[in-house]
PDB file of N, CA and C in Angstrom:
ATOM      1  N   MET A   1     -17.814  -7.434  -2.373  1.00  0.00           N
ATOM      2  CA  MET A   1     -17.741  -7.402  -3.812  1.00  0.00           C
ATOM      3  C   MET A   1     -16.852  -6.245  -4.304  1.00  0.00           C
ATOM      4  N   MET A   2     -16.959  -5.083  -3.658  1.00  0.00           N
ATOM      5  CA  MET A   2     -16.117  -3.950  -4.072  1.00  0.00           C
ATOM      6  C   MET A   2     -14.644  -4.239  -3.812  1.00  0.00           C
ATOM      7  N   GLY A   3     -14.368  -4.937  -2.702  1.00  0.00           N
ATOM      8  CA  GLY A   3     -12.990  -5.303  -2.397  1.00  0.00           C
ATOM      9  C   GLY A   3     -12.408  -6.196  -3.476  1.00  0.00           C
ATOM     10  N   THR A   4     -13.208  -7.131  -3.957  1.00  0.00           N
ATOM     11  CA  THR A   4     -12.773  -8.025  -5.031  1.00  0.00           C
ATOM     12  C   THR A   4     -12.485  -7.223  -6.297  1.00  0.00           C
ATOM     13  N   LEU A   5     -13.339  -6.258  -6.592  1.00  0.00           N
ATOM     14  CA  LEU A   5     -13.144  -5.409  -7.770  1.00  0.00           C
ATOM     15  C   LEU A   5     -11.851  -4.602  -7.653  1.00  0.00           C
ATOM     16  N   VAL A   6     -11.609  -4.031  -6.493  1.00  0.00           N
ATOM     17  CA  VAL A   6     -10.376  -3.257  -6.284  1.00  0.00           C
ATOM     18  C   VAL A   6      -9.163  -4.155  -6.473  1.00  0.00           C
ATOM     19  N   ARG A   7      -9.194  -5.334  -5.864  1.00  0.00           N
ATOM     20  CA  ARG A   7      -8.057  -6.254  -5.991  1.00  0.00           C
ATOM     21  C   ARG A   7      -7.816  -6.635  -7.448  1.00  0.00           C
ATOM     22  N   ARG A   8      -8.886  -6.895  -8.173  1.00  0.00           N
ATOM     23  CA  ARG A   8      -8.770  -7.261  -9.594  1.00  0.00           C
ATOM     24  C   ARG A   8      -8.173  -6.104 -10.406  1.00  0.00           C
ATOM     25  N   LEU A   9      -8.671  -4.895 -10.173  1.00  0.00           N
ATOM     26  CA  LEU A   9      -8.153  -3.725 -10.885  1.00  0.00           C
ATOM     27  C   LEU A   9      -6.682  -3.468 -10.549  1.00  0.00           C
ATOM     28  N   CYS A  10      -6.308  -3.671  -9.299  1.00  0.00           N
ATOM     29  CA  CYS A  10      -4.904  -3.504  -8.902  1.00  0.00           C
ATOM     30  C   CYS A  10      -4.017  -4.493  -9.644  1.00  0.00           C
ATOM     31  N   ARG A  11      -4.470  -5.717  -9.736  1.00  0.00           N
ATOM     32  CA  ARG A  11      -3.684  -6.732 -10.457  1.00  0.00           C
ATOM     33  C   ARG A  11      -3.574  -6.382 -11.940  1.00  0.00           C
ATOM     34  N   GLU A  12      -4.669  -5.918 -12.508  1.00  0.00           N
ATOM     35  CA  GLU A  12      -4.665  -5.538 -13.926  1.00  0.00           C
ATOM     36  C   GLU A  12      -3.799  -4.307 -14.175  1.00  0.00           C
ATOM     37  N   SER A  13      -3.626  -3.474 -13.158  1.00  0.00           N
ATOM     38  CA  SER A  13      -2.839  -2.247 -13.326  1.00  0.00           C
ATOM     39  C   SER A  13      -1.367  -2.551 -13.582  1.00  0.00           C
ATOM     40  N   ARG A  14      -0.954  -3.773 -13.297  1.00  0.00           N
ATOM     41  CA  ARG A  14       0.427  -4.160 -13.607  1.00  0.00           C
ATOM     42  C   ARG A  14       0.652  -4.156 -15.114  1.00  0.00           C
ATOM     43  N   LYS A  15      -0.414  -4.464 -15.859  1.00  0.00           N
ATOM     44  CA  LYS A  15      -0.326  -4.510 -17.322  1.00  0.00           C
ATOM     45  C   LYS A  15      -0.739  -3.189 -17.963  1.00  0.00           C
ATOM     46  N   GLU A  16      -1.724  -2.538 -17.370  1.00  0.00           N
ATOM     47  CA  GLU A  16      -2.287  -1.325 -17.962  1.00  0.00           C
ATOM     48  C   GLU A  16      -2.394  -0.227 -16.902  1.00  0.00           C
ATOM     49  N   LYS A  17      -1.666   0.850 -17.112  1.00  0.00           N
ATOM     50  CA  LYS A  17      -1.589   1.943 -16.136  1.00  0.00           C
ATOM     51  C   LYS A  17      -2.943   2.509 -15.732  1.00  0.00           C
ATOM     52  N   SER A  18      -3.831   2.686 -16.690  1.00  0.00           N
ATOM     53  CA  SER A  18      -5.110   3.351 -16.414  1.00  0.00           C
ATOM     54  C   SER A  18      -5.963   2.596 -15.397  1.00  0.00           C
ATOM     55  N   MET A  19      -5.725   1.322 -15.248  1.00  0.00           N
ATOM     56  CA  MET A  19      -6.502   0.512 -14.306  1.00  0.00           C
ATOM     57  C   MET A  19      -6.251   0.935 -12.861  1.00  0.00           C
ATOM     58  N   LEU A  20      -5.076   1.460 -12.577  1.00  0.00           N
ATOM     59  CA  LEU A  20      -4.769   1.872 -11.206  1.00  0.00           C
ATOM     60  C   LEU A  20      -5.667   3.027 -10.781  1.00  0.00           C
ATOM     61  N   GLU A  21      -5.919   3.947 -11.681  1.00  0.00           N
ATOM     62  CA  GLU A  21      -6.799   5.068 -11.348  1.00  0.00           C
ATOM     63  C   GLU A  21      -8.211   4.564 -11.072  1.00  0.00           C
ATOM     64  N   ASP A  22      -8.663   3.597 -11.863  1.00  0.00           N
ATOM     65  CA  ASP A  22      -9.982   2.992 -11.626  1.00  0.00           C
ATOM     66  C   ASP A  22     -10.013   2.300 -10.263  1.00  0.00           C
ATOM     67  N   ALA A  23      -8.947   1.577  -9.956  1.00  0.00           N
ATOM     68  CA  ALA A  23      -8.862   0.882  -8.666  1.00  0.00           C
ATOM     69  C   ALA A  23      -8.910   1.884  -7.520  1.00  0.00           C
ATOM     70  N   ARG A  24      -8.200   2.979  -7.671  1.00  0.00           N
ATOM     71  CA  ARG A  24      -8.150   4.009  -6.624  1.00  0.00           C
ATOM     72  C   ARG A  24      -9.537   4.610  -6.377  1.00  0.00           C
ATOM     73  N   LYS A  25     -10.271   4.879  -7.460  1.00  0.00           N
ATOM     74  CA  LYS A  25     -11.618   5.450  -7.329  1.00  0.00           C
ATOM     75  C   LYS A  25     -12.565   4.487  -6.614  1.00  0.00           C
ATOM     76  N   VAL A  26     -12.525   3.219  -7.001  1.00  0.00           N
ATOM     77  CA  VAL A  26     -13.390   2.220  -6.358  1.00  0.00           C
ATOM     78  C   VAL A  26     -12.986   2.061  -4.895  1.00  0.00           C
ATOM     79  N   PHE A  27     -11.685   2.056  -4.627  1.00  0.00           N
ATOM     80  CA  PHE A  27     -11.168   1.934  -3.263  1.00  0.00           C
ATOM     81  C   PHE A  27     -11.688   3.071  -2.385  1.00  0.00           C
ATOM     82  N   GLU A  28     -11.627   4.297  -2.895  1.00  0.00           N
ATOM     83  CA  GLU A  28     -12.106   5.450  -2.129  1.00  0.00           C
ATOM     84  C   GLU A  28     -13.608   5.366  -1.865  1.00  0.00           C
ATOM     85  N   LYS A  29     -14.373   4.922  -2.856  1.00  0.00           N
ATOM     86  CA  LYS A  29     -15.817   4.738  -2.654  1.00  0.00           C
ATOM     87  C   LYS A  29     -16.076   3.665  -1.607  1.00  0.00           C
ATOM     88  N   MET A  30     -15.292   2.599  -1.658  1.00  0.00           N
ATOM     89  CA  MET A  30     -15.427   1.505  -0.706  1.00  0.00           C
ATOM     90  C   MET A  30     -15.215   2.017   0.717  1.00  0.00           C
ATOM     91  N   ILE A  31     -14.199   2.838   0.904  1.00  0.00           N
ATOM     92  CA  ILE A  31     -13.881   3.383   2.223  1.00  0.00           C
ATOM     93  C   ILE A  31     -15.032   4.249   2.734  1.00  0.00           C
ATOM     94  N   LYS A  32     -15.591   5.078   1.865  1.00  0.00           N
ATOM     95  CA  LYS A  32     -16.659   5.996   2.265  1.00  0.00           C
ATOM     96  C   LYS A  32     -17.970   5.286   2.562  1.00  0.00           C
ATOM     97  N   ARG A  33     -18.270   4.240   1.821  1.00  0.00           N
ATOM     98  CA  ARG A  33     -19.595   3.613   1.907  1.00  0.00           C
ATOM     99  C   ARG A  33     -19.749   2.525   2.955  1.00  0.00           C
ATOM    100  N   ASP A  34     -18.741   1.722   3.131  1.00  0.00           N
ATOM    101  CA  ASP A  34     -18.937   0.525   3.943  1.00  0.00           C
ATOM    102  C   ASP A  34     -17.743   0.275   4.854  1.00  0.00           C
ATOM    103  N   SER A  35     -17.947   0.457   6.146  1.00  0.00           N
ATOM    104  CA  SER A  35     -16.842   0.306   7.090  1.00  0.00           C
ATOM    105  C   SER A  35     -16.327  -1.125   7.165  1.00  0.00           C
ATOM    106  N   VAL A  36     -17.182  -2.114   6.929  1.00  0.00           N
ATOM    107  CA  VAL A  36     -16.733  -3.512   6.957  1.00  0.00           C
ATOM    108  C   VAL A  36     -15.764  -3.759   5.809  1.00  0.00           C
ATOM    109  N   LEU A  37     -16.127  -3.312   4.618  1.00  0.00           N
ATOM    110  CA  LEU A  37     -15.237  -3.466   3.468  1.00  0.00           C
ATOM    111  C   LEU A  37     -13.975  -2.645   3.634  1.00  0.00           C
ATOM    112  N   ALA A  38     -14.110  -1.490   4.252  1.00  0.00           N
ATOM    113  CA  ALA A  38     -12.965  -0.608   4.435  1.00  0.00           C
ATOM    114  C   ALA A  38     -11.897  -1.254   5.304  1.00  0.00           C
ATOM    115  N   GLU A  39     -12.288  -2.214   6.102  1.00  0.00           N
ATOM    116  CA  GLU A  39     -11.337  -2.865   6.998  1.00  0.00           C
ATOM    117  C   GLU A  39     -10.681  -4.098   6.383  1.00  0.00           C
ATOM    118  N   ASP A  40     -10.934  -4.358   5.116  1.00  0.00           N
ATOM    119  CA  ASP A  40     -10.358  -5.511   4.432  1.00  0.00           C
ATOM    120  C   ASP A  40      -8.859  -5.285   4.224  1.00  0.00           C
ATOM    121  N   GLN A  41      -8.065  -5.944   5.022  1.00  0.00           N
ATOM    122  CA  GLN A  41      -6.621  -5.728   5.018  1.00  0.00           C
ATOM    123  C   GLN A  41      -5.973  -6.080   3.687  1.00  0.00           C
ATOM    124  N   LYS A  42      -6.370  -7.177   3.091  1.00  0.00           N
ATOM    125  CA  LYS A  42      -5.745  -7.605   1.832  1.00  0.00           C
ATOM    126  C   LYS A  42      -5.946  -6.570   0.725  1.00  0.00           C
ATOM    127  N   THR A  43      -7.129  -5.967   0.688  1.00  0.00           N
ATOM    128  CA  THR A  43      -7.400  -4.949  -0.330  1.00  0.00           C
ATOM    129  C   THR A  43      -6.498  -3.740  -0.118  1.00  0.00           C
ATOM    130  N   HIS A  44      -6.346  -3.314   1.132  1.00  0.00           N
ATOM    131  CA  HIS A  44      -5.453  -2.189   1.432  1.00  0.00           C
ATOM    132  C   HIS A  44      -4.021  -2.513   1.011  1.00  0.00           C
ATOM    133  N   GLU A  45      -3.566  -3.699   1.359  1.00  0.00           N
ATOM    134  CA  GLU A  45      -2.190  -4.074   1.050  1.00  0.00           C
ATOM    135  C   GLU A  45      -1.948  -4.137  -0.452  1.00  0.00           C
ATOM    136  N   LEU A  46      -2.900  -4.688  -1.188  1.00  0.00           N
ATOM    137  CA  LEU A  46      -2.747  -4.755  -2.637  1.00  0.00           C
ATOM    138  C   LEU A  46      -2.777  -3.356  -3.255  1.00  0.00           C
ATOM    139  N   MET A  47      -3.583  -2.471  -2.692  1.00  0.00           N
ATOM    140  CA  MET A  47      -3.625  -1.086  -3.173  1.00  0.00           C
ATOM    141  C   MET A  47      -2.263  -0.432  -2.954  1.00  0.00           C
ATOM    142  N   ILE A  48      -1.661  -0.647  -1.798  1.00  0.00           N
ATOM    143  CA  ILE A  48      -0.332  -0.102  -1.498  1.00  0.00           C
ATOM    144  C   ILE A  48       0.694  -0.638  -2.485  1.00  0.00           C
ATOM    145  N   GLN A  49       0.663  -1.934  -2.735  1.00  0.00           N
ATOM    146  CA  GLN A  49       1.615  -2.543  -3.668  1.00  0.00           C
ATOM    147  C   GLN A  49       1.451  -1.990  -5.081  1.00  0.00           C
ATOM    148  N   ALA A  50       0.202  -1.830  -5.529  1.00  0.00           N
ATOM    149  CA  ALA A  50      -0.056  -1.308  -6.877  1.00  0.00           C
ATOM    150  C   ALA A  50       0.412   0.143  -6.998  1.00  0.00           C
ATOM    151  N   LEU A  51       0.169   0.935  -5.967  1.00  0.00           N
ATOM    152  CA  LEU A  51       0.617   2.333  -5.983  1.00  0.00           C
ATOM    153  C   LEU A  51       2.143   2.410  -6.025  1.00  0.00           C
ATOM    154  N   CYS A  52       2.796   1.567  -5.249  1.00  0.00           N
ATOM    155  CA  CYS A  52       4.261   1.534  -5.256  1.00  0.00           C
ATOM    156  C   CYS A  52       4.790   1.136  -6.631  1.00  0.00           C
ATOM    157  N   ALA A  53       4.155   0.158  -7.241  1.00  0.00           N
ATOM    158  CA  ALA A  53       4.596  -0.321  -8.552  1.00  0.00           C
ATOM    159  C   ALA A  53       4.541   0.782  -9.607  1.00  0.00           C
ATOM    160  N   ARG A  54       3.674   1.757  -9.398  1.00  0.00           N
ATOM    161  CA  ARG A  54       3.545   2.876 -10.339  1.00  0.00           C
ATOM    162  C   ARG A  54       4.249   4.142  -9.840  1.00  0.00           C
ATOM    163  N   GLY A  55       5.016   4.007  -8.739  1.00  0.00           N
ATOM    164  CA  GLY A  55       5.790   5.140  -8.237  1.00  0.00           C
ATOM    165  C   GLY A  55       4.993   6.180  -7.470  1.00  0.00           C
ATOM    166  N   ARG A  56       3.786   5.838  -7.074  1.00  0.00           N
ATOM    167  CA  ARG A  56       2.910   6.796  -6.374  1.00  0.00           C
ATOM    168  C   ARG A  56       3.043   6.592  -4.863  1.00  0.00           C
ATOM    169  N   ILE A  57       4.223   6.895  -4.376  1.00  0.00           N
ATOM    170  CA  ILE A  57       4.589   6.581  -2.998  1.00  0.00           C
ATOM    171  C   ILE A  57       3.787   7.374  -1.973  1.00  0.00           C
ATOM    172  N   GLU A  58       3.489   8.639  -2.241  1.00  0.00           N
ATOM    173  CA  GLU A  58       2.734   9.436  -1.266  1.00  0.00           C
ATOM    174  C   GLU A  58       1.349   8.839  -1.034  1.00  0.00           C
ATOM    175  N   GLU A  59       0.706   8.407  -2.110  1.00  0.00           N
ATOM    176  CA  GLU A  59      -0.609   7.781  -1.979  1.00  0.00           C
ATOM    177  C   GLU A  59      -0.507   6.446  -1.245  1.00  0.00           C
ATOM    178  N   ALA A  60       0.572   5.726  -1.503  1.00  0.00           N
ATOM    179  CA  ALA A  60       0.774   4.445  -0.825  1.00  0.00           C
ATOM    180  C   ALA A  60       0.940   4.654   0.681  1.00  0.00           C
ATOM    181  N   VAL A  61       1.713   5.666   1.061  1.00  0.00           N
ATOM    182  CA  VAL A  61       1.919   5.958   2.486  1.00  0.00           C
ATOM    183  C   VAL A  61       0.611   6.433   3.124  1.00  0.00           C
ATOM    184  N   SER A  62      -0.183   7.205   2.397  1.00  0.00           N
ATOM    185  CA  SER A  62      -1.495   7.634   2.916  1.00  0.00           C
ATOM    186  C   SER A  62      -2.399   6.437   3.174  1.00  0.00           C
ATOM    187  N   THR A  63      -2.342   5.461   2.281  1.00  0.00           N
ATOM    188  CA  THR A  63      -3.137   4.242   2.451  1.00  0.00           C
ATOM    189  C   THR A  63      -2.638   3.453   3.657  1.00  0.00           C
ATOM    190  N   LEU A  64      -1.335   3.436   3.849  1.00  0.00           N
ATOM    191  CA  LEU A  64      -0.747   2.789   5.019  1.00  0.00           C
ATOM    192  C   LEU A  64      -1.236   3.461   6.302  1.00  0.00           C
ATOM    193  N   ASP A  65      -1.231   4.781   6.319  1.00  0.00           N
ATOM    194  CA  ASP A  65      -1.725   5.524   7.486  1.00  0.00           C
ATOM    195  C   ASP A  65      -3.189   5.202   7.760  1.00  0.00           C
ATOM    196  N   LEU A  66      -3.971   5.098   6.704  1.00  0.00           N
ATOM    197  CA  LEU A  66      -5.388   4.754   6.833  1.00  0.00           C
ATOM    198  C   LEU A  66      -5.555   3.384   7.493  1.00  0.00           C
ATOM    199  N   MET A  67      -4.702   2.439   7.118  1.00  0.00           N
ATOM    200  CA  MET A  67      -4.758   1.111   7.740  1.00  0.00           C
ATOM    201  C   MET A  67      -4.542   1.211   9.243  1.00  0.00           C
ATOM    202  N   TYR A  68      -3.543   2.007   9.644  1.00  0.00           N
ATOM    203  CA  TYR A  68      -3.267   2.160  11.076  1.00  0.00           C
ATOM    204  C   TYR A  68      -4.414   2.832  11.808  1.00  0.00           C
ATOM    205  N   GLU A  69      -5.042   3.805  11.158  1.00  0.00           N
ATOM    206  CA  GLU A  69      -6.197   4.465  11.766  1.00  0.00           C
ATOM    207  C   GLU A  69      -7.318   3.470  12.033  1.00  0.00           C
ATOM    208  N   MET A  70      -7.402   2.437  11.207  1.00  0.00           N
ATOM    209  CA  MET A  70      -8.434   1.411  11.353  1.00  0.00           C
ATOM    210  C   MET A  70      -7.991   0.277  12.274  1.00  0.00           C
ATOM    211  N   GLY A  71      -6.792   0.405  12.832  1.00  0.00           N
ATOM    212  CA  GLY A  71      -6.310  -0.606  13.760  1.00  0.00           C
ATOM    213  C   GLY A  71      -5.686  -1.821  13.101  1.00  0.00           C
ATOM    214  N   ARG A  72      -5.318  -1.706  11.847  1.00  0.00           N
ATOM    215  CA  ARG A  72      -4.704  -2.812  11.113  1.00  0.00           C
ATOM    216  C   ARG A  72      -3.189  -2.648  11.076  1.00  0.00           C
ATOM    217  N   ILE A  73      -2.477  -3.752  11.155  1.00  0.00           N
ATOM    218  CA  ILE A  73      -1.025  -3.733  11.022  1.00  0.00           C
ATOM    219  C   ILE A  73      -0.688  -4.383   9.684  1.00  0.00           C
ATOM    220  N   PRO A  74      -0.143  -3.606   8.754  1.00  0.00           N
ATOM    221  CA  PRO A  74       0.197  -4.163   7.445  1.00  0.00           C
ATOM    222  C   PRO A  74       1.279  -5.228   7.561  1.00  0.00           C
ATOM    223  N   SER A  75       1.301  -6.105   6.600  1.00  0.00           N
ATOM    224  CA  SER A  75       2.312  -7.159   6.582  1.00  0.00           C
ATOM    225  C   SER A  75       3.679  -6.556   6.266  1.00  0.00           C
ATOM    226  N   GLY A  76       4.698  -7.321   6.557  1.00  0.00           N
ATOM    227  CA  GLY A  76       6.053  -6.897   6.219  1.00  0.00           C
ATOM    228  C   GLY A  76       6.217  -6.676   4.728  1.00  0.00           C
ATOM    229  N   LEU A  77       5.477  -7.439   3.918  1.00  0.00           N
ATOM    230  CA  LEU A  77       5.543  -7.295   2.467  1.00  0.00           C
ATOM    231  C   LEU A  77       5.157  -5.880   2.036  1.00  0.00           C
ATOM    232  N   CYS A  78       4.154  -5.314   2.698  1.00  0.00           N
ATOM    233  CA  CYS A  78       3.745  -3.929   2.394  1.00  0.00           C
ATOM    234  C   CYS A  78       4.905  -2.975   2.623  1.00  0.00           C
ATOM    235  N   PHE A  79       5.536  -3.114   3.764  1.00  0.00           N
ATOM    236  CA  PHE A  79       6.661  -2.240   4.074  1.00  0.00           C
ATOM    237  C   PHE A  79       7.822  -2.492   3.117  1.00  0.00           C
ATOM    238  N   ASP A  80       8.050  -3.750   2.761  1.00  0.00           N
ATOM    239  CA  ASP A  80       9.108  -4.057   1.796  1.00  0.00           C
ATOM    240  C   ASP A  80       8.873  -3.315   0.485  1.00  0.00           C
ATOM    241  N   GLU A  81       7.629  -3.342   0.002  1.00  0.00           N
ATOM    242  CA  GLU A  81       7.295  -2.660  -1.255  1.00  0.00           C
ATOM    243  C   GLU A  81       7.508  -1.153  -1.136  1.00  0.00           C
ATOM    244  N   LEU A  82       7.060  -0.583  -0.032  1.00  0.00           N
ATOM    245  CA  LEU A  82       7.238   0.856   0.187  1.00  0.00           C
ATOM    246  C   LEU A  82       8.721   1.226   0.252  1.00  0.00           C
ATOM    247  N   ILE A  83       9.487   0.450   0.985  1.00  0.00           N
ATOM    248  CA  ILE A  83      10.912   0.730   1.136  1.00  0.00           C
ATOM    249  C   ILE A  83      11.637   0.575  -0.196  1.00  0.00           C
ATOM    250  N   LYS A  84      11.289  -0.451  -0.967  1.00  0.00           N
ATOM    251  CA  LYS A  84      11.910  -0.630  -2.292  1.00  0.00           C
ATOM    252  C   LYS A  84      11.641   0.575  -3.193  1.00  0.00           C
ATOM    253  N   GLU A  85      10.412   1.054  -3.182  1.00  0.00           N
ATOM    254  CA  GLU A  85      10.065   2.191  -4.039  1.00  0.00           C
ATOM    255  C   GLU A  85      10.748   3.470  -3.566  1.00  0.00           C
ATOM    256  N   LEU A  86      10.805   3.693  -2.264  1.00  0.00           N
ATOM    257  CA  LEU A  86      11.525   4.866  -1.751  1.00  0.00           C
ATOM    258  C   LEU A  86      12.995   4.803  -2.160  1.00  0.00           C
ATOM    259  N   ASN A  87      13.572   3.625  -2.071  1.00  0.00           N
ATOM    260  CA  ASN A  87      14.961   3.432  -2.468  1.00  0.00           C
ATOM    261  C   ASN A  87      15.131   3.703  -3.964  1.00  0.00           C
ATOM    262  N   ALA A  88      14.199   3.199  -4.776  1.00  0.00           N
ATOM    263  CA  ALA A  88      14.260   3.405  -6.228  1.00  0.00           C
ATOM    264  C   ALA A  88      14.174   4.891  -6.581  1.00  0.00           C
ATOM    265  N   GLN A  89      13.462   5.651  -5.769  1.00  0.00           N
ATOM    266  CA  GLN A  89      13.325   7.088  -6.002  1.00  0.00           C
ATOM    267  C   GLN A  89      14.464   7.889  -5.367  1.00  0.00           C
ATOM    268  N   GLY A  90      15.395   7.185  -4.720  1.00  0.00           N
ATOM    269  CA  GLY A  90      16.537   7.863  -4.114  1.00  0.00           C
ATOM    270  C   GLY A  90      16.207   8.606  -2.835  1.00  0.00           C
ATOM    271  N   ARG A  91      15.187   8.173  -2.168  1.00  0.00           N
ATOM    272  CA  ARG A  91      14.739   8.859  -0.951  1.00  0.00           C
ATOM    273  C   ARG A  91      15.158   8.043   0.276  1.00  0.00           C
ATOM    274  N   LEU A  92      16.456   7.996   0.516  1.00  0.00           N
ATOM    275  CA  LEU A  92      17.000   7.147   1.571  1.00  0.00           C
ATOM    276  C   LEU A  92      16.572   7.576   2.965  1.00  0.00           C
ATOM    277  N   PHE A  93      16.448   8.878   3.211  1.00  0.00           N
ATOM    278  CA  PHE A  93      16.026   9.336   4.534  1.00  0.00           C
ATOM    279  C   PHE A  93      14.611   8.841   4.826  1.00  0.00           C
ATOM    280  N   ALA A  94      13.719   8.977   3.863  1.00  0.00           N
ATOM    281  CA  ALA A  94      12.348   8.492   4.032  1.00  0.00           C
ATOM    282  C   ALA A  94      12.347   6.978   4.209  1.00  0.00           C
ATOM    283  N   HIS A  95      13.255   6.305   3.523  1.00  0.00           N
ATOM    284  CA  HIS A  95      13.408   4.855   3.621  1.00  0.00           C
ATOM    285  C   HIS A  95      13.708   4.448   5.059  1.00  0.00           C
ATOM    286  N   SER A  96      14.664   5.129   5.686  1.00  0.00           N
ATOM    287  CA  SER A  96      15.016   4.781   7.065  1.00  0.00           C
ATOM    288  C   SER A  96      13.898   5.156   8.033  1.00  0.00           C
ATOM    289  N   ASN A  97      13.206   6.263   7.771  1.00  0.00           N
ATOM    290  CA  ASN A  97      12.072   6.647   8.620  1.00  0.00           C
ATOM    291  C   ASN A  97      10.951   5.616   8.549  1.00  0.00           C
ATOM    292  N   LEU A  98      10.662   5.130   7.357  1.00  0.00           N
ATOM    293  CA  LEU A  98       9.603   4.142   7.185  1.00  0.00           C
ATOM    294  C   LEU A  98       9.972   2.834   7.879  1.00  0.00           C
ATOM    295  N   PHE A  99      11.248   2.462   7.811  1.00  0.00           N
ATOM    296  CA  PHE A  99      11.698   1.251   8.491  1.00  0.00           C
ATOM    297  C   PHE A  99      11.456   1.380   9.994  1.00  0.00           C
ATOM    298  N   GLY A 100      11.804   2.525  10.570  1.00  0.00           N
ATOM    299  CA  GLY A 100      11.560   2.763  11.998  1.00  0.00           C
ATOM    300  C   GLY A 100      10.082   2.751  12.326  1.00  0.00           C
ATOM    301  N   TYR A 101       9.284   3.332  11.460  1.00  0.00           N
ATOM    302  CA  TYR A 101       7.818   3.368  11.600  1.00  0.00           C
ATOM    303  C   TYR A 101       7.268   1.939  11.659  1.00  0.00           C
ATOM    304  N   ALA A 102       7.755   1.101  10.763  1.00  0.00           N
ATOM    305  CA  ALA A 102       7.305  -0.297  10.718  1.00  0.00           C
ATOM    306  C   ALA A 102       7.694  -1.037  11.991  1.00  0.00           C
ATOM    307  N   MET A 103       8.921  -0.857  12.425  1.00  0.00           N
ATOM    308  CA  MET A 103       9.406  -1.569  13.609  1.00  0.00           C
ATOM    309  C   MET A 103       8.632  -1.155  14.862  1.00  0.00           C
ATOM    310  N   LYS A 104       8.323   0.128  15.001  1.00  0.00           N
ATOM    311  CA  LYS A 104       7.574   0.607  16.162  1.00  0.00           C
ATOM    312  C   LYS A 104       6.180   0.001  16.228  1.00  0.00           C
ATOM    313  N   ARG A 105       5.630  -0.318  15.078  1.00  0.00           N
ATOM    314  CA  ARG A 105       4.268  -0.838  15.022  1.00  0.00           C
ATOM    315  C   ARG A 105       4.217  -2.360  14.961  1.00  0.00           C
ATOM    316  N   GLY A 106       5.362  -2.994  15.090  1.00  0.00           N
ATOM    317  CA  GLY A 106       5.386  -4.442  15.190  1.00  0.00           C
ATOM    318  C   GLY A 106       5.368  -5.190  13.878  1.00  0.00           C
ATOM    319  N   ALA A 107       5.619  -4.517  12.777  1.00  0.00           N
ATOM    320  CA  ALA A 107       5.654  -5.206  11.484  1.00  0.00           C
ATOM    321  C   ALA A 107       7.053  -5.753  11.263  1.00  0.00           C
ATOM    322  N   PHE A 108       7.127  -6.946  10.718  1.00  0.00           N
ATOM    323  CA  PHE A 108       8.412  -7.547  10.389  1.00  0.00           C
ATOM    324  C   PHE A 108       8.797  -7.090   8.996  1.00  0.00           C
ATOM    325  N   VAL A 109       9.953  -6.465   8.882  1.00  0.00           N
ATOM    326  CA  VAL A 109      10.436  -5.993   7.587  1.00  0.00           C
ATOM    327  C   VAL A 109      11.750  -6.677   7.298  1.00  0.00           C
ATOM    328  N   GLU A 110      11.835  -7.290   6.139  1.00  0.00           N
ATOM    329  CA  GLU A 110      13.057  -7.975   5.739  1.00  0.00           C
ATOM    330  C   GLU A 110      14.039  -6.948   5.201  1.00  0.00           C
ATOM    331  N   VAL A 111      15.244  -6.957   5.725  1.00  0.00           N
ATOM    332  CA  VAL A 111      16.265  -6.038   5.241  1.00  0.00           C
ATOM    333  C   VAL A 111      17.050  -6.758   4.165  1.00  0.00           C
ATOM    334  N   ASN A 112      17.013  -6.202   2.964  1.00  0.00           N
ATOM    335  CA  ASN A 112      17.668  -6.803   1.813  1.00  0.00           C
ATOM    336  C   ASN A 112      18.904  -5.983   1.492  1.00  0.00           C
ATOM    337  N   SER A 113      20.051  -6.614   1.440  1.00  0.00           N
ATOM    338  CA  SER A 113      21.299  -5.886   1.214  1.00  0.00           C
ATOM    339  C   SER A 113      21.399  -5.309  -0.190  1.00  0.00           C
ATOM    340  N   SER A 114      20.566  -5.767  -1.121  1.00  0.00           N
ATOM    341  CA  SER A 114      20.616  -5.235  -2.482  1.00  0.00           C
ATOM    342  C   SER A 114      19.908  -3.898  -2.599  1.00  0.00           C
ATOM    343  N   MET A 115      19.246  -3.456  -1.542  1.00  0.00           N
ATOM    344  CA  MET A 115      18.563  -2.163  -1.577  1.00  0.00           C
ATOM    345  C   MET A 115      19.601  -1.138  -1.470  1.00  0.00           C
TER     346      MET A 115
END
């Protein structure tokens, strides 16, 4: 149920900024309270996407690291979102490092020439 709430808040954060902070708080409680919910890959991925959409790249990368600690491999879409945001922020070195990070861990990342 908490995972559903986080996903809903993340989706709503596209329209209203304050919802992302609510989503983040519920997400952190979810991680602390219930290890089964904490392993919900879709919730992690949506949290990463929502953080990227708001330019909060450091938090998004921390969430990505948390996924790996739990033995989860994020989808290529997660890495695409992270790379797009790093590019938008002009952080090309971090962009190339993240691409290498993804490849080492077996994630498929689409290389888009418009980046």
